[in-house]
């Protein structure tokens, strides 16, 4: 699910690890991702000489001329455009209602993944506020190929990212971000089971209780949380950098056939949690075989798989309604029977 909304995270200070991830960027070129419409406000700003997007492209972006602006596909809340210039193309997302915190979270995640030198992601260049209200992000424009690329290469490169990027702060991320339009809390936590219980499953269960008055799924879900520790017996768990929202809409390939992932909801977590959206990601046998050659399968992987699906089913229930409730409840009921809880 594409990141489309904001959570109340303060902008990091220039001395924080988060802000340092965004310093000193310079563009190579090319990128594509989210659906949207070019807004009339951007043309108004340009006419008034108050367009920070144009200003950045024509200064730090090293362009002397913008030759065209076109809308390109993606999400339904943000607008997305390709800016063509004499220095190459830039990908720009704008949101007229939401401040820069959402895009700051996205940029930090993209930069963290980029710095692993493993799988390709669009490099972020600039996040800022629009003078008419809202915010923007400028990033590398990647020309996509005609397919999602080779599944085995995707699996290997994703595993290389997980192996390369570990956190010494525990589980979480530098800022809170979003999963779809749902706030995703990333408070640093030393223990993975505690983090996943409180900030993933517990948070979604509370939302379901608040939004729908669903006491049944809340109470059963809490029983699962209290009894799920045996599912992790024998597993070696490390805080790996995760994309966090890896479904088919966030996976593509460049014109050379190399896999590209985008629109992240990054945090440091158990690597198996990356497969939580596998029910709509299309991962096949070649993907998993290549992945586990780099990141060996841990004892109990099959027993934990649905536990990581549950977070995303609960999120879809909270975002889109009752159509996803039965899938979430079925997973909870199966675990309660397995654990005799």
C-alpha atoms as a PDB file:
ATOM      1  CA  UNK A   1       0.000   0.000   0.000  1.00  0.00           C
ATOM      2  CA  UNK A   2       1.408   3.367  -0.953  1.00  0.00           C
ATOM      3  CA  UNK A   3       2.216   5.817   1.821  1.00  0.00           C
ATOM      4  CA  UNK A   4      -0.485   8.435   1.567  1.00  0.00           C
ATOM      5  CA  UNK A   5      -0.918  10.181   4.915  1.00  0.00           C
ATOM      6  CA  UNK A   6       0.825  11.847   7.813  1.00  0.00           C
ATOM      7  CA  UNK A   7       1.404  11.114  11.409  1.00  0.00           C
ATOM      8  CA  UNK A   8       2.379  13.772  13.880  1.00  0.00           C
ATOM      9  CA  UNK A   9       6.159  13.404  13.883  1.00  0.00           C
ATOM     10  CA  UNK A  10       8.241  16.469  14.526  1.00  0.00           C
ATOM     11  CA  UNK A  11      10.907  17.368  12.012  1.00  0.00           C
ATOM     12  CA  UNK A  12      14.262  15.953  13.176  1.00  0.00           C
ATOM     13  CA  UNK A  13      16.960  18.373  14.217  1.00  0.00           C
ATOM     14  CA  UNK A  14      19.975  18.771  11.999  1.00  0.00           C
ATOM     15  CA  UNK A  15      22.072  16.954  14.592  1.00  0.00           C
ATOM     16  CA  UNK A  16      19.879  13.847  14.729  1.00  0.00           C
ATOM     17  CA  UNK A  17      20.706  10.573  12.914  1.00  0.00           C
ATOM     18  CA  UNK A  18      17.477  10.998  10.969  1.00  0.00           C
ATOM     19  CA  UNK A  19      18.291  14.425   9.597  1.00  0.00           C
ATOM     20  CA  UNK A  20      21.838  13.439   8.729  1.00  0.00           C
ATOM     21  CA  UNK A  21      20.412  10.850   6.340  1.00  0.00           C
ATOM     22  CA  UNK A  22      19.016  13.682   4.217  1.00  0.00           C
ATOM     23  CA  UNK A  23      22.051  15.932   3.990  1.00  0.00           C
ATOM     24  CA  UNK A  24      24.211  16.548   0.956  1.00  0.00           C
ATOM     25  CA  UNK A  25      22.188  14.892  -1.794  1.00  0.00           C
ATOM     26  CA  UNK A  26      22.847  15.493  -5.490  1.00  0.00           C
ATOM     27  CA  UNK A  27      20.780  14.028  -8.346  1.00  0.00           C
ATOM     28  CA  UNK A  28      21.804  11.374 -10.863  1.00  0.00           C
ATOM     29  CA  UNK A  29      18.402  11.484 -12.782  1.00  0.00           C
ATOM     30  CA  UNK A  30      15.175   9.495 -13.532  1.00  0.00           C
ATOM     31  CA  UNK A  31      12.255   8.030 -11.466  1.00  0.00           C
ATOM     32  CA  UNK A  32       8.543   7.018 -11.569  1.00  0.00           C
ATOM     33  CA  UNK A  33       5.904   5.962  -9.019  1.00  0.00           C
ATOM     34  CA  UNK A  34       2.673   7.475  -7.717  1.00  0.00           C
ATOM     35  CA  UNK A  35      -0.530   8.400  -9.535  1.00  0.00           C
ATOM     36  CA  UNK A  36      -1.806  11.939  -9.429  1.00  0.00           C
ATOM     37  CA  UNK A  37      -2.786  15.125 -11.181  1.00  0.00           C
ATOM     38  CA  UNK A  38      -0.661  18.208 -11.776  1.00  0.00           C
ATOM     39  CA  UNK A  39      -2.244  20.824  -9.574  1.00  0.00           C
ATOM     40  CA  UNK A  40      -3.231  24.305 -10.591  1.00  0.00           C
ATOM     41  CA  UNK A  41      -1.600  25.566  -7.404  1.00  0.00           C
ATOM     42  CA  UNK A  42       1.827  24.659  -8.766  1.00  0.00           C
ATOM     43  CA  UNK A  43       1.273  26.826 -11.844  1.00  0.00           C
ATOM     44  CA  UNK A  44       0.005  29.651  -9.638  1.00  0.00           C
ATOM     45  CA  UNK A  45       3.128  29.418  -7.486  1.00  0.00           C
ATOM     46  CA  UNK A  46       5.328  29.440 -10.561  1.00  0.00           C
ATOM     47  CA  UNK A  47       3.596  32.575 -11.837  1.00  0.00           C
ATOM     48  CA  UNK A  48       4.128  34.227  -8.479  1.00  0.00           C
ATOM     49  CA  UNK A  49       7.754  33.160  -8.341  1.00  0.00           C
ATOM     50  CA  UNK A  50       7.015  31.177  -5.173  1.00  0.00           C
ATOM     51  CA  UNK A  51       7.543  27.635  -6.411  1.00  0.00           C
ATOM     52  CA  UNK A  52      10.091  25.875  -4.145  1.00  0.00           C
ATOM     53  CA  UNK A  53      10.078  22.814  -6.416  1.00  0.00           C
ATOM     54  CA  UNK A  54      11.099  24.807  -9.460  1.00  0.00           C
ATOM     55  CA  UNK A  55      13.577  26.783  -7.371  1.00  0.00           C
ATOM     56  CA  UNK A  56      15.333  23.642  -6.121  1.00  0.00           C
ATOM     57  CA  UNK A  57      15.467  22.030  -9.564  1.00  0.00           C
ATOM     58  CA  UNK A  58      16.955  25.174 -11.129  1.00  0.00           C
ATOM     59  CA  UNK A  59      19.555  25.625  -8.381  1.00  0.00           C
ATOM     60  CA  UNK A  60      20.619  22.557  -6.407  1.00  0.00           C
ATOM     61  CA  UNK A  61      19.193  20.284  -9.107  1.00  0.00           C
ATOM     62  CA  UNK A  62      21.717  21.763 -11.572  1.00  0.00           C
ATOM     63  CA  UNK A  63      19.112  22.330 -14.298  1.00  0.00           C
ATOM     64  CA  UNK A  64      18.923  25.560 -16.287  1.00  0.00           C
ATOM     65  CA  UNK A  65      15.580  24.817 -17.960  1.00  0.00           C
ATOM     66  CA  UNK A  66      12.427  22.831 -17.172  1.00  0.00           C
ATOM     67  CA  UNK A  67      11.206  21.491 -20.509  1.00  0.00           C
ATOM     68  CA  UNK A  68       8.012  19.768 -19.399  1.00  0.00           C
ATOM     69  CA  UNK A  69       5.841  18.648 -16.483  1.00  0.00           C
ATOM     70  CA  UNK A  70       3.578  15.609 -16.811  1.00  0.00           C
ATOM     71  CA  UNK A  71       1.362  13.698 -14.405  1.00  0.00           C
ATOM     72  CA  UNK A  72       2.211  10.036 -13.833  1.00  0.00           C
ATOM     73  CA  UNK A  73       0.524   7.104 -12.151  1.00  0.00           C
ATOM     74  CA  UNK A  74       0.429   5.954  -8.508  1.00  0.00           C
ATOM     75  CA  UNK A  75      -1.672   6.760  -5.414  1.00  0.00           C
ATOM     76  CA  UNK A  76      -4.901   8.677  -4.975  1.00  0.00           C
ATOM     77  CA  UNK A  77      -4.057  11.215  -2.255  1.00  0.00           C
ATOM     78  CA  UNK A  78      -0.710  12.556  -3.425  1.00  0.00           C
ATOM     79  CA  UNK A  79      -0.206  14.116  -6.836  1.00  0.00           C
ATOM     80  CA  UNK A  80       2.794  12.879  -8.807  1.00  0.00           C
ATOM     81  CA  UNK A  81       4.630  14.538 -11.658  1.00  0.00           C
ATOM     82  CA  UNK A  82       7.665  14.033 -13.818  1.00  0.00           C
ATOM     83  CA  UNK A  83       9.702  17.190 -14.301  1.00  0.00           C
ATOM     84  CA  UNK A  84      11.770  17.020 -17.493  1.00  0.00           C
ATOM     85  CA  UNK A  85      14.834  19.291 -17.545  1.00  0.00           C
ATOM     86  CA  UNK A  86      18.066  19.768 -19.417  1.00  0.00           C
ATOM     87  CA  UNK A  87      19.771  18.013 -16.474  1.00  0.00           C
ATOM     88  CA  UNK A  88      17.516  14.948 -16.669  1.00  0.00           C
ATOM     89  CA  UNK A  89      14.150  14.100 -15.105  1.00  0.00           C
ATOM     90  CA  UNK A  90      12.974  14.433 -11.513  1.00  0.00           C
ATOM     91  CA  UNK A  91      10.062  12.701  -9.798  1.00  0.00           C
ATOM     92  CA  UNK A  92       7.947  14.982  -7.603  1.00  0.00           C
ATOM     93  CA  UNK A  93       5.107  14.120  -5.235  1.00  0.00           C
ATOM     94  CA  UNK A  94       2.939  16.808  -3.663  1.00  0.00           C
ATOM     95  CA  UNK A  95       0.185  16.843  -1.092  1.00  0.00           C
ATOM     96  CA  UNK A  96      -1.934  19.968  -0.674  1.00  0.00           C
ATOM     97  CA  UNK A  97      -3.291  19.091   2.785  1.00  0.00           C
ATOM     98  CA  UNK A  98      -0.461  17.495   4.735  1.00  0.00           C
ATOM     99  CA  UNK A  99       2.758  18.993   6.081  1.00  0.00           C
ATOM    100  CA  UNK A 100       6.238  17.643   5.316  1.00  0.00           C
ATOM    101  CA  UNK A 101       6.454  15.022   8.085  1.00  0.00           C
ATOM    102  CA  UNK A 102       4.987  12.253   5.912  1.00  0.00           C
ATOM    103  CA  UNK A 103       7.461  12.888   3.111  1.00  0.00           C
ATOM    104  CA  UNK A 104      10.316  13.241   5.613  1.00  0.00           C
ATOM    105  CA  UNK A 105       9.564   9.725   6.829  1.00  0.00           C
ATOM    106  CA  UNK A 106       9.490   8.436   3.267  1.00  0.00           C
ATOM    107  CA  UNK A 107      12.763  10.183   2.428  1.00  0.00           C
ATOM    108  CA  UNK A 108      14.532   8.799   5.496  1.00  0.00           C
ATOM    109  CA  UNK A 109      13.421   5.299   4.588  1.00  0.00           C
ATOM    110  CA  UNK A 110      14.483   5.622   0.960  1.00  0.00           C
ATOM    111  CA  UNK A 111      17.873   7.028   1.942  1.00  0.00           C
ATOM    112  CA  UNK A 112      18.460   4.288   4.510  1.00  0.00           C
ATOM    113  CA  UNK A 113      17.664   1.598   1.931  1.00  0.00           C
ATOM    114  CA  UNK A 114      19.754   3.336  -0.736  1.00  0.00           C
ATOM    115  CA  UNK A 115      22.773   3.440   1.554  1.00  0.00           C
ATOM    116  CA  UNK A 116      22.833  -0.369   1.839  1.00  0.00           C
ATOM    117  CA  UNK A 117      24.031  -0.537  -1.808  1.00  0.00           C
ATOM    118  CA  UNK A 118      21.842  -3.580  -2.330  1.00  0.00           C
ATOM    119  CA  UNK A 119      18.461  -3.134  -4.013  1.00  0.00           C
ATOM    120  CA  UNK A 120      17.644  -0.091  -6.124  1.00  0.00           C
ATOM    121  CA  UNK A 121      15.362   2.592  -4.702  1.00  0.00           C
ATOM    122  CA  UNK A 122      14.712   6.164  -5.864  1.00  0.00           C
ATOM    123  CA  UNK A 123      17.117   8.497  -4.105  1.00  0.00           C
ATOM    124  CA  UNK A 124      15.369  11.393  -2.318  1.00  0.00           C
ATOM    125  CA  UNK A 125      16.728  14.898  -2.838  1.00  0.00           C
ATOM    126  CA  UNK A 126      14.475  17.429  -1.129  1.00  0.00           C
ATOM    127  CA  UNK A 127      11.447  17.604   1.180  1.00  0.00           C
ATOM    128  CA  UNK A 128       9.719  20.889   1.884  1.00  0.00           C
ATOM    129  CA  UNK A 129       6.534  22.876   2.457  1.00  0.00           C
ATOM    130  CA  UNK A 130       4.424  24.463  -0.268  1.00  0.00           C
ATOM    131  CA  UNK A 131       3.642  28.160   0.221  1.00  0.00           C
ATOM    132  CA  UNK A 132      -0.022  27.510  -0.571  1.00  0.00           C
ATOM    133  CA  UNK A 133      -0.188  24.758   2.065  1.00  0.00           C
ATOM    134  CA  UNK A 134       0.913  21.156   1.961  1.00  0.00           C
ATOM    135  CA  UNK A 135       4.266  19.625   1.119  1.00  0.00           C
ATOM    136  CA  UNK A 136       6.442  18.054  -1.554  1.00  0.00           C
ATOM    137  CA  UNK A 137       9.240  15.586  -2.106  1.00  0.00           C
ATOM    138  CA  UNK A 138      11.683  15.621  -5.015  1.00  0.00           C
ATOM    139  CA  UNK A 139      13.494  12.407  -5.834  1.00  0.00           C
ATOM    140  CA  UNK A 140      15.328  10.488  -8.513  1.00  0.00           C
ATOM    141  CA  UNK A 141      13.261   9.576 -11.560  1.00  0.00           C
ATOM    142  CA  UNK A 142      13.696   5.906 -12.486  1.00  0.00           C
ATOM    143  CA  UNK A 143      12.481   4.767 -15.869  1.00  0.00           C
ATOM    144  CA  UNK A 144      10.632   1.509 -15.299  1.00  0.00           C
ATOM    145  CA  UNK A 145      10.943  -1.561 -17.500  1.00  0.00           C
ATOM    146  CA  UNK A 146       8.070  -3.658 -18.789  1.00  0.00           C
ATOM    147  CA  UNK A 147       8.020  -6.204 -15.968  1.00  0.00           C
ATOM    148  CA  UNK A 148       8.655  -6.572 -12.258  1.00  0.00           C
ATOM    149  CA  UNK A 149      11.980  -8.206 -13.043  1.00  0.00           C
ATOM    150  CA  UNK A 150      13.475 -11.521 -12.019  1.00  0.00           C
ATOM    151  CA  UNK A 151      11.993 -12.968  -8.799  1.00  0.00           C
ATOM    152  CA  UNK A 152      15.241 -14.653  -7.811  1.00  0.00           C
ATOM    153  CA  UNK A 153      17.184 -11.396  -8.164  1.00  0.00           C
ATOM    154  CA  UNK A 154      14.545  -9.575  -6.122  1.00  0.00           C
ATOM    155  CA  UNK A 155      14.794 -12.163  -3.355  1.00  0.00           C
ATOM    156  CA  UNK A 156      18.572 -12.044  -3.257  1.00  0.00           C
ATOM    157  CA  UNK A 157      18.824  -8.262  -3.255  1.00  0.00           C
ATOM    158  CA  UNK A 158      16.138  -7.870  -0.603  1.00  0.00           C
ATOM    159  CA  UNK A 159      18.023 -10.346   1.593  1.00  0.00           C
ATOM    160  CA  UNK A 160      21.248  -8.417   0.994  1.00  0.00           C
ATOM    161  CA  UNK A 161      19.520  -5.270   2.230  1.00  0.00           C
ATOM    162  CA  UNK A 162      18.274  -7.046   5.351  1.00  0.00           C
ATOM    163  CA  UNK A 163      21.731  -8.468   6.003  1.00  0.00           C
ATOM    164  CA  UNK A 164      23.558  -5.182   5.418  1.00  0.00           C
ATOM    165  CA  UNK A 165      21.457  -2.833   7.548  1.00  0.00           C
ATOM    166  CA  UNK A 166      21.171  -3.611  11.254  1.00  0.00           C
ATOM    167  CA  UNK A 167      20.316  -1.176  14.030  1.00  0.00           C
ATOM    168  CA  UNK A 168      22.176  -0.780  17.310  1.00  0.00           C
ATOM    169  CA  UNK A 169      19.161   1.076  18.745  1.00  0.00           C
ATOM    170  CA  UNK A 170      16.862  -1.931  18.713  1.00  0.00           C
ATOM    171  CA  UNK A 171      13.571  -2.192  16.860  1.00  0.00           C
ATOM    172  CA  UNK A 172      11.878   0.929  15.447  1.00  0.00           C
ATOM    173  CA  UNK A 173      12.956   3.853  13.295  1.00  0.00           C
ATOM    174  CA  UNK A 174      14.182   7.434  13.526  1.00  0.00           C
ATOM    175  CA  UNK A 175      10.654   8.809  13.064  1.00  0.00           C
ATOM    176  CA  UNK A 176       7.092   7.537  13.104  1.00  0.00           C
ATOM    177  CA  UNK A 177       5.683   7.077   9.602  1.00  0.00           C
ATOM    178  CA  UNK A 178       2.603   5.628   7.931  1.00  0.00           C
ATOM    179  CA  UNK A 179       1.393   2.306   6.578  1.00  0.00           C
ATOM    180  CA  UNK A 180      -1.128   3.388   3.986  1.00  0.00           C
ATOM    181  CA  UNK A 181      -2.830   6.247   5.774  1.00  0.00           C
ATOM    182  CA  UNK A 182      -2.507   4.602   9.200  1.00  0.00           C
ATOM    183  CA  UNK A 183       0.051   5.981  11.667  1.00  0.00           C
ATOM    184  CA  UNK A 184       2.907   3.550  12.209  1.00  0.00           C
ATOM    185  CA  UNK A 185       4.589   4.002  15.583  1.00  0.00           C
ATOM    186  CA  UNK A 186       8.327   3.337  15.525  1.00  0.00           C
ATOM    187  CA  UNK A 187       9.459   4.036  19.095  1.00  0.00           C
ATOM    188  CA  UNK A 188      12.807   2.329  19.656  1.00  0.00           C
ATOM    189  CA  UNK A 189      12.294  -0.880  21.640  1.00  0.00           C
ATOM    190  CA  UNK A 190      14.924  -3.370  22.787  1.00  0.00           C
ATOM    191  CA  UNK A 191      12.776  -6.498  22.419  1.00  0.00           C
ATOM    192  CA  UNK A 192      11.161  -7.528  19.114  1.00  0.00           C
ATOM    193  CA  UNK A 193       8.185  -9.365  20.605  1.00  0.00           C
ATOM    194  CA  UNK A 194       7.398  -6.341  22.777  1.00  0.00           C
ATOM    195  CA  UNK A 195       7.718  -4.006  19.775  1.00  0.00           C
ATOM    196  CA  UNK A 196       5.526  -6.120  17.500  1.00  0.00           C
ATOM    197  CA  UNK A 197       2.976  -6.710  20.229  1.00  0.00           C
ATOM    198  CA  UNK A 198       2.583  -3.054  21.207  1.00  0.00           C
ATOM    199  CA  UNK A 199       3.326  -0.993  18.105  1.00  0.00           C
ATOM    200  CA  UNK A 200       2.022  -3.329  15.411  1.00  0.00           C
ATOM    201  CA  UNK A 201      -0.669  -5.792  16.490  1.00  0.00           C
ATOM    202  CA  UNK A 202      -1.757  -3.948  19.647  1.00  0.00           C
ATOM    203  CA  UNK A 203      -2.035  -0.600  17.884  1.00  0.00           C
ATOM    204  CA  UNK A 204      -4.160  -2.047  15.079  1.00  0.00           C
ATOM    205  CA  UNK A 205      -6.412  -3.894  17.533  1.00  0.00           C
ATOM    206  CA  UNK A 206      -6.994  -0.665  19.435  1.00  0.00           C
ATOM    207  CA  UNK A 207      -7.925   1.102  16.190  1.00  0.00           C
ATOM    208  CA  UNK A 208     -10.424  -1.630  15.355  1.00  0.00           C
ATOM    209  CA  UNK A 209     -11.955  -1.328  18.801  1.00  0.00           C
ATOM    210  CA  UNK A 210     -12.193   2.464  18.554  1.00  0.00           C
ATOM    211  CA  UNK A 211     -13.454   2.647  14.970  1.00  0.00           C
ATOM    212  CA  UNK A 212     -15.832  -0.296  14.848  1.00  0.00           C
ATOM    213  CA  UNK A 213     -16.468  -1.141  18.493  1.00  0.00           C
ATOM    214  CA  UNK A 214     -15.076  -4.567  17.645  1.00  0.00           C
ATOM    215  CA  UNK A 215     -14.541  -5.996  21.109  1.00  0.00           C
ATOM    216  CA  UNK A 216     -14.398  -9.581  19.825  1.00  0.00           C
ATOM    217  CA  UNK A 217     -11.353  -9.131  17.607  1.00  0.00           C
ATOM    218  CA  UNK A 218      -9.729  -6.885  20.221  1.00  0.00           C
ATOM    219  CA  UNK A 219     -10.123  -9.386  23.060  1.00  0.00           C
ATOM    220  CA  UNK A 220      -9.027 -12.388  21.001  1.00  0.00           C
ATOM    221  CA  UNK A 221      -6.129 -10.433  19.560  1.00  0.00           C
ATOM    222  CA  UNK A 222      -4.950  -9.485  23.034  1.00  0.00           C
ATOM    223  CA  UNK A 223      -5.086 -13.149  24.056  1.00  0.00           C
ATOM    224  CA  UNK A 224      -2.865 -13.964  21.089  1.00  0.00           C
ATOM    225  CA  UNK A 225      -0.389 -11.234  22.021  1.00  0.00           C
ATOM    226  CA  UNK A 226      -0.106 -12.554  25.571  1.00  0.00           C
ATOM    227  CA  UNK A 227       0.501 -16.127  24.399  1.00  0.00           C
ATOM    228  CA  UNK A 228       2.542 -15.818  21.198  1.00  0.00           C
ATOM    229  CA  UNK A 229       6.064 -16.034  22.705  1.00  0.00           C
ATOM    230  CA  UNK A 230       6.469 -19.793  21.917  1.00  0.00           C
ATOM    231  CA  UNK A 231       6.189 -18.986  18.198  1.00  0.00           C
ATOM    232  CA  UNK A 232       9.660 -17.433  18.410  1.00  0.00           C
ATOM    233  CA  UNK A 233      11.412 -20.301  20.189  1.00  0.00           C
ATOM    234  CA  UNK A 234      14.772 -21.059  18.586  1.00  0.00           C
ATOM    235  CA  UNK A 235      14.722 -18.109  16.199  1.00  0.00           C
ATOM    236  CA  UNK A 236      17.607 -15.658  15.967  1.00  0.00           C
ATOM    237  CA  UNK A 237      16.009 -12.226  15.654  1.00  0.00           C
ATOM    238  CA  UNK A 238      17.945  -9.109  14.672  1.00  0.00           C
ATOM    239  CA  UNK A 239      16.737  -5.571  13.870  1.00  0.00           C
ATOM    240  CA  UNK A 240      17.038  -5.502  10.062  1.00  0.00           C
ATOM    241  CA  UNK A 241      16.054  -2.563   7.876  1.00  0.00           C
ATOM    242  CA  UNK A 242      12.655  -3.383   6.338  1.00  0.00           C
ATOM    243  CA  UNK A 243      10.837  -1.762   3.453  1.00  0.00           C
ATOM    244  CA  UNK A 244       7.716  -2.380   5.523  1.00  0.00           C
ATOM    245  CA  UNK A 245       5.016  -2.314   2.811  1.00  0.00           C
ATOM    246  CA  UNK A 246       6.252  -4.664   0.135  1.00  0.00           C
ATOM    247  CA  UNK A 247       3.316  -5.495  -2.136  1.00  0.00           C
ATOM    248  CA  UNK A 248       3.120  -5.717  -5.917  1.00  0.00           C
ATOM    249  CA  UNK A 249       2.332  -2.014  -6.361  1.00  0.00           C
ATOM    250  CA  UNK A 250       5.619  -1.088  -4.677  1.00  0.00           C
ATOM    251  CA  UNK A 251       7.805  -3.450  -6.715  1.00  0.00           C
ATOM    252  CA  UNK A 252       9.047  -2.813 -10.229  1.00  0.00           C
ATOM    253  CA  UNK A 253      12.225  -2.990 -12.308  1.00  0.00           C
ATOM    254  CA  UNK A 254      14.338  -0.508 -14.210  1.00  0.00           C
ATOM    255  CA  UNK A 255      15.044  -0.664 -17.943  1.00  0.00           C
ATOM    256  CA  UNK A 256      17.981  -2.994 -17.259  1.00  0.00           C
ATOM    257  CA  UNK A 257      15.688  -5.464 -15.500  1.00  0.00           C
ATOM    258  CA  UNK A 258      17.081  -4.711 -12.037  1.00  0.00           C
ATOM    259  CA  UNK A 259      14.433  -4.758  -9.273  1.00  0.00           C
ATOM    260  CA  UNK A 260      13.252  -1.453  -7.827  1.00  0.00           C
ATOM    261  CA  UNK A 261      11.244  -0.998  -4.618  1.00  0.00           C
ATOM    262  CA  UNK A 262       9.498   2.227  -3.637  1.00  0.00           C
ATOM    263  CA  UNK A 263       6.913   3.899  -1.363  1.00  0.00           C
ATOM    264  CA  UNK A 264       8.313   2.394   1.851  1.00  0.00           C
ATOM    265  CA  UNK A 265       7.074   2.281   5.437  1.00  0.00           C
ATOM    266  CA  UNK A 266      10.553   1.593   6.793  1.00  0.00           C
ATOM    267  CA  UNK A 267      11.570   0.439  10.234  1.00  0.00           C
ATOM    268  CA  UNK A 268      14.076  -1.962  11.778  1.00  0.00           C
ATOM    269  CA  UNK A 269      12.425  -5.264  12.578  1.00  0.00           C
ATOM    270  CA  UNK A 270      12.513  -9.040  12.278  1.00  0.00           C
ATOM    271  CA  UNK A 271      13.338  -9.807   8.652  1.00  0.00           C
ATOM    272  CA  UNK A 272      10.380 -12.224   8.354  1.00  0.00           C
ATOM    273  CA  UNK A 273       7.979  -9.310   8.900  1.00  0.00           C
ATOM    274  CA  UNK A 274       8.937  -8.115   5.404  1.00  0.00           C
ATOM    275  CA  UNK A 275       6.735 -10.876   3.990  1.00  0.00           C
ATOM    276  CA  UNK A 276       3.597  -9.605   5.740  1.00  0.00           C
ATOM    277  CA  UNK A 277       2.124  -8.347   2.454  1.00  0.00           C
ATOM    278  CA  UNK A 278       3.009 -11.533   0.559  1.00  0.00           C
ATOM    279  CA  UNK A 279      -0.703 -12.238   0.049  1.00  0.00           C
ATOM    280  CA  UNK A 280      -0.700  -9.492  -2.579  1.00  0.00           C
ATOM    281  CA  UNK A 281       2.983  -9.385  -3.545  1.00  0.00           C
ATOM    282  CA  UNK A 282       3.220 -12.412  -5.804  1.00  0.00           C
ATOM    283  CA  UNK A 283       6.381 -13.873  -4.242  1.00  0.00           C
ATOM    284  CA  UNK A 284       7.111 -17.282  -5.769  1.00  0.00           C
ATOM    285  CA  UNK A 285       9.405 -20.186  -5.017  1.00  0.00           C
ATOM    286  CA  UNK A 286      12.380 -18.616  -6.811  1.00  0.00           C
ATOM    287  CA  UNK A 287      12.045 -15.489  -4.662  1.00  0.00           C
ATOM    288  CA  UNK A 288      12.128 -17.391  -1.367  1.00  0.00           C
ATOM    289  CA  UNK A 289      14.865 -19.785  -2.496  1.00  0.00           C
ATOM    290  CA  UNK A 290      17.186 -16.901  -3.391  1.00  0.00           C
ATOM    291  CA  UNK A 291      16.268 -14.975  -0.263  1.00  0.00           C
ATOM    292  CA  UNK A 292      17.058 -17.838   2.111  1.00  0.00           C
ATOM    293  CA  UNK A 293      20.430 -18.474   0.446  1.00  0.00           C
ATOM    294  CA  UNK A 294      21.505 -15.090   1.848  1.00  0.00           C
ATOM    295  CA  UNK A 295      19.339 -14.919   4.984  1.00  0.00           C
ATOM    296  CA  UNK A 296      18.866 -18.518   6.188  1.00  0.00           C
ATOM    297  CA  UNK A 297      15.382 -19.603   7.196  1.00  0.00           C
ATOM    298  CA  UNK A 298      14.930 -19.595  10.970  1.00  0.00           C
ATOM    299  CA  UNK A 299      13.292 -22.381  13.008  1.00  0.00           C
ATOM    300  CA  UNK A 300       9.541 -21.838  13.197  1.00  0.00           C
ATOM    301  CA  UNK A 301       9.322 -19.678  10.056  1.00  0.00           C
ATOM    302  CA  UNK A 302       6.148 -21.388   8.811  1.00  0.00           C
ATOM    303  CA  UNK A 303       4.445 -21.035  12.196  1.00  0.00           C
ATOM    304  CA  UNK A 304       5.167 -17.280  12.320  1.00  0.00           C
ATOM    305  CA  UNK A 305       4.245 -16.468   8.731  1.00  0.00           C
ATOM    306  CA  UNK A 306       0.569 -15.737   9.396  1.00  0.00           C
ATOM    307  CA  UNK A 307       1.467 -13.668  12.457  1.00  0.00           C
ATOM    308  CA  UNK A 308       3.107 -11.162  10.114  1.00  0.00           C
ATOM    309  CA  UNK A 309       0.220 -11.301   7.658  1.00  0.00           C
ATOM    310  CA  UNK A 310      -2.089 -10.410  10.548  1.00  0.00           C
ATOM    311  CA  UNK A 311      -0.668  -6.902  10.973  1.00  0.00           C
ATOM    312  CA  UNK A 312      -1.503  -6.005   7.383  1.00  0.00           C
ATOM    313  CA  UNK A 313      -4.919  -7.681   7.405  1.00  0.00           C
ATOM    314  CA  UNK A 314      -5.784  -5.685  10.523  1.00  0.00           C
ATOM    315  CA  UNK A 315      -4.533  -2.518   8.847  1.00  0.00           C
ATOM    316  CA  UNK A 316      -6.677  -3.204   5.774  1.00  0.00           C
ATOM    317  CA  UNK A 317      -9.648  -3.830   8.038  1.00  0.00           C
ATOM    318  CA  UNK A 318      -9.085  -0.457   9.702  1.00  0.00           C
ATOM    319  CA  UNK A 319      -8.574   1.321   6.384  1.00  0.00           C
ATOM    320  CA  UNK A 320     -11.133  -0.347   4.129  1.00  0.00           C
ATOM    321  CA  UNK A 321     -13.691  -1.958   6.383  1.00  0.00           C
ATOM    322  CA  UNK A 322     -15.240  -5.324   7.142  1.00  0.00           C
ATOM    323  CA  UNK A 323     -14.124  -7.114   3.983  1.00  0.00           C
ATOM    324  CA  UNK A 324     -10.803  -7.877   5.677  1.00  0.00           C
ATOM    325  CA  UNK A 325     -12.141  -8.705   9.128  1.00  0.00           C
ATOM    326  CA  UNK A 326     -12.742 -12.401   8.476  1.00  0.00           C
ATOM    327  CA  UNK A 327      -9.156 -12.942   7.272  1.00  0.00           C
ATOM    328  CA  UNK A 328      -7.761 -11.271  10.394  1.00  0.00           C
ATOM    329  CA  UNK A 329     -10.091 -13.120  12.745  1.00  0.00           C
ATOM    330  CA  UNK A 330      -9.365 -16.449  11.069  1.00  0.00           C
ATOM    331  CA  UNK A 331      -5.627 -16.008  11.671  1.00  0.00           C
ATOM    332  CA  UNK A 332      -6.211 -15.060  15.316  1.00  0.00           C
ATOM    333  CA  UNK A 333      -8.527 -18.057  15.888  1.00  0.00           C
ATOM    334  CA  UNK A 334      -6.047 -20.465  14.273  1.00  0.00           C
ATOM    335  CA  UNK A 335      -3.247 -19.237  16.526  1.00  0.00           C
ATOM    336  CA  UNK A 336      -5.375 -19.415  19.651  1.00  0.00           C
ATOM    337  CA  UNK A 337      -6.132 -23.063  18.835  1.00  0.00           C
ATOM    338  CA  UNK A 338      -2.479 -23.814  18.041  1.00  0.00           C
ATOM    339  CA  UNK A 339      -1.277 -22.187  21.247  1.00  0.00           C
ATOM    340  CA  UNK A 340      -4.212 -23.556  23.290  1.00  0.00           C
ATOM    341  CA  UNK A 341      -4.791 -20.047  24.603  1.00  0.00           C
END
